[in-house]
Amino acid sequence: YTKTDSDIISKMCGTFTATITNKRPANIQGNSTPNPQVLDYPPNYILFLNNLPEETNEMMLSMLFNQFPGFKEVCLVPGRHDIAFVEFENDGQAGAARDALQGFKITTSHAMKITYAKK
């Protein structure tokens, strides 16, 4: 047994009221898959760099990040030329460097993407 009448019974009796339901908006671009977004992990004293050009080396990144206080070291990942890690003394100093160098173009076609590393 139900507590309320069905829509058909309500329409026959004249007591039917239409309910408004929220519908999802149509995808304007027509693309069924959303653009992948970079995950932003909680603040960390280690930064993760990606989208680096193949000719990037440890000295280049050290010179770039050495201008920020608290800089400790750069670690390139063996076998992967496009990613690296940069370590700072604390997460505040790492955040300042991340904000200042986000999108920095090492070459005309490679803008550096910087996020906090996973803990």
Protein backbone atom coordinates (compact mmCIF):
# COMPACT_ATOMS: atom_id res chain seq x y z
CA TYR A 1 0.00 0.00 0.00
CA THR A 2 1.18 3.49 -0.75
CA LYS A 3 0.76 6.68 1.19
CA THR A 4 -0.07 8.74 -1.91
CA ASP A 5 -1.97 8.10 -5.11
CA SER A 6 -0.12 7.33 -8.32
CA ASP A 7 0.11 9.96 -11.06
CA ILE A 8 -2.56 8.24 -13.15
CA ILE A 9 -5.07 8.10 -10.27
CA SER A 10 -4.31 11.73 -9.36
CA LYS A 11 -4.93 12.81 -12.97
CA MET A 12 -8.26 10.94 -13.06
CA CYS A 13 -9.36 12.58 -9.80
CA GLY A 14 -8.11 16.02 -10.86
CA THR A 15 -5.67 16.40 -7.96
CA PHE A 16 -2.47 15.93 -9.99
CA THR A 17 0.29 18.53 -9.56
CA ALA A 18 3.41 18.27 -11.69
CA THR A 19 6.69 18.11 -9.81
CA ILE A 20 9.69 19.98 -11.14
CA THR A 21 12.85 17.92 -11.37
CA ASN A 22 16.31 19.32 -11.90
CA LYS A 23 17.87 18.06 -15.08
CA ARG A 24 21.55 18.08 -15.88
CA PRO A 25 22.43 20.81 -18.37
CA ALA A 26 23.27 19.64 -21.86
CA ASN A 27 26.96 19.45 -22.63
CA ILE A 28 27.59 22.58 -24.68
CA GLN A 29 30.74 21.35 -26.40
CA GLY A 30 29.25 18.00 -27.33
CA ASN A 31 32.21 16.21 -25.80
CA SER A 32 31.13 13.29 -23.65
CA THR A 33 34.40 13.10 -21.68
CA PRO A 34 35.48 16.02 -19.52
CA ASN A 35 38.96 17.48 -19.85
CA PRO A 36 41.44 15.79 -17.52
CA GLN A 37 42.36 18.06 -14.66
CA VAL A 38 45.56 18.13 -12.71
CA LEU A 39 45.04 16.90 -9.19
CA ASP A 40 46.19 19.36 -6.57
CA TYR A 41 47.45 17.52 -3.53
CA PRO A 42 47.67 19.14 -0.07
CA PRO A 43 50.69 21.39 0.57
CA ASN A 44 53.98 19.55 0.76
CA TYR A 45 57.63 20.60 0.95
CA ILE A 46 58.35 18.61 -2.24
CA LEU A 47 57.15 19.89 -5.61
CA PHE A 48 56.40 17.67 -8.59
CA LEU A 49 57.34 19.14 -11.98
CA ASN A 50 56.05 17.78 -15.27
CA ASN A 51 55.93 18.76 -18.93
CA LEU A 52 59.69 19.33 -18.94
CA PRO A 53 61.60 19.30 -22.25
CA GLU A 54 64.00 16.48 -23.02
CA GLU A 55 67.09 18.68 -22.68
CA THR A 56 66.27 19.63 -19.07
CA ASN A 57 69.05 18.83 -16.62
CA GLU A 58 69.60 19.15 -12.88
CA MET A 59 71.72 22.29 -13.19
CA MET A 60 69.02 24.14 -15.18
CA LEU A 61 66.36 23.43 -12.58
CA SER A 62 68.72 24.21 -9.68
CA MET A 63 69.47 27.64 -11.17
CA LEU A 64 65.76 28.27 -11.65
CA PHE A 65 64.66 27.27 -8.12
CA ASN A 66 67.79 28.49 -6.28
CA GLN A 67 66.36 32.03 -6.24
CA PHE A 68 63.71 30.96 -3.72
CA PRO A 69 64.51 30.71 0.01
CA GLY A 70 64.53 27.22 1.49
CA PHE A 71 65.59 25.45 -1.71
CA LYS A 72 67.35 22.14 -0.96
CA GLU A 73 67.73 19.96 -4.06
CA VAL A 74 66.43 18.83 -7.44
CA CYS A 75 65.87 15.15 -8.22
CA LEU A 76 65.44 14.04 -11.82
CA VAL A 77 63.71 10.72 -12.38
CA PRO A 78 65.95 8.24 -14.24
CA GLY A 79 64.43 7.14 -17.52
CA ARG A 80 61.86 9.96 -17.54
CA HIS A 81 63.02 13.25 -19.03
CA ASP A 82 59.68 15.04 -18.53
CA ILE A 83 59.33 14.91 -14.71
CA ALA A 84 61.36 15.98 -11.67
CA PHE A 85 61.04 16.69 -7.95
CA VAL A 86 62.23 19.81 -6.12
CA GLU A 87 62.65 19.78 -2.35
CA PHE A 88 62.32 22.79 -0.02
CA GLU A 89 62.71 23.22 3.75
CA ASN A 90 58.96 23.67 4.35
CA ASP A 91 55.67 23.72 2.49
CA GLY A 92 55.28 27.52 2.67
CA GLN A 93 58.50 28.07 0.78
CA ALA A 94 57.57 25.37 -1.72
CA GLY A 95 54.19 27.04 -2.26
CA ALA A 96 55.81 30.40 -2.98
CA ALA A 97 58.07 28.82 -5.60
CA ARG A 98 55.14 26.90 -7.10
CA ASP A 99 53.03 30.04 -7.44
CA ALA A 100 55.88 32.07 -8.93
CA LEU A 101 57.01 29.50 -11.51
CA GLN A 102 53.69 27.90 -12.47
CA GLY A 103 53.52 27.81 -16.26
CA PHE A 104 57.12 28.99 -16.69
CA LYS A 105 58.20 28.29 -20.27
CA ILE A 106 61.53 26.51 -20.36
CA THR A 107 61.20 26.33 -24.15
CA THR A 108 58.57 27.88 -26.39
CA SER A 109 56.57 24.65 -26.50
CA HIS A 110 57.03 23.41 -22.90
CA ALA A 111 55.33 25.29 -20.07
CA MET A 112 56.26 23.73 -16.73
CA LYS A 113 53.38 22.34 -14.65
CA ILE A 114 54.03 22.34 -10.91
CA THR A 115 51.99 20.56 -8.24
CA TYR A 116 52.65 19.41 -4.71
CA ALA A 117 54.02 15.87 -4.60
CA LYS A 118 51.96 13.10 -3.00
CA LYS A 119 52.82 12.51 0.63
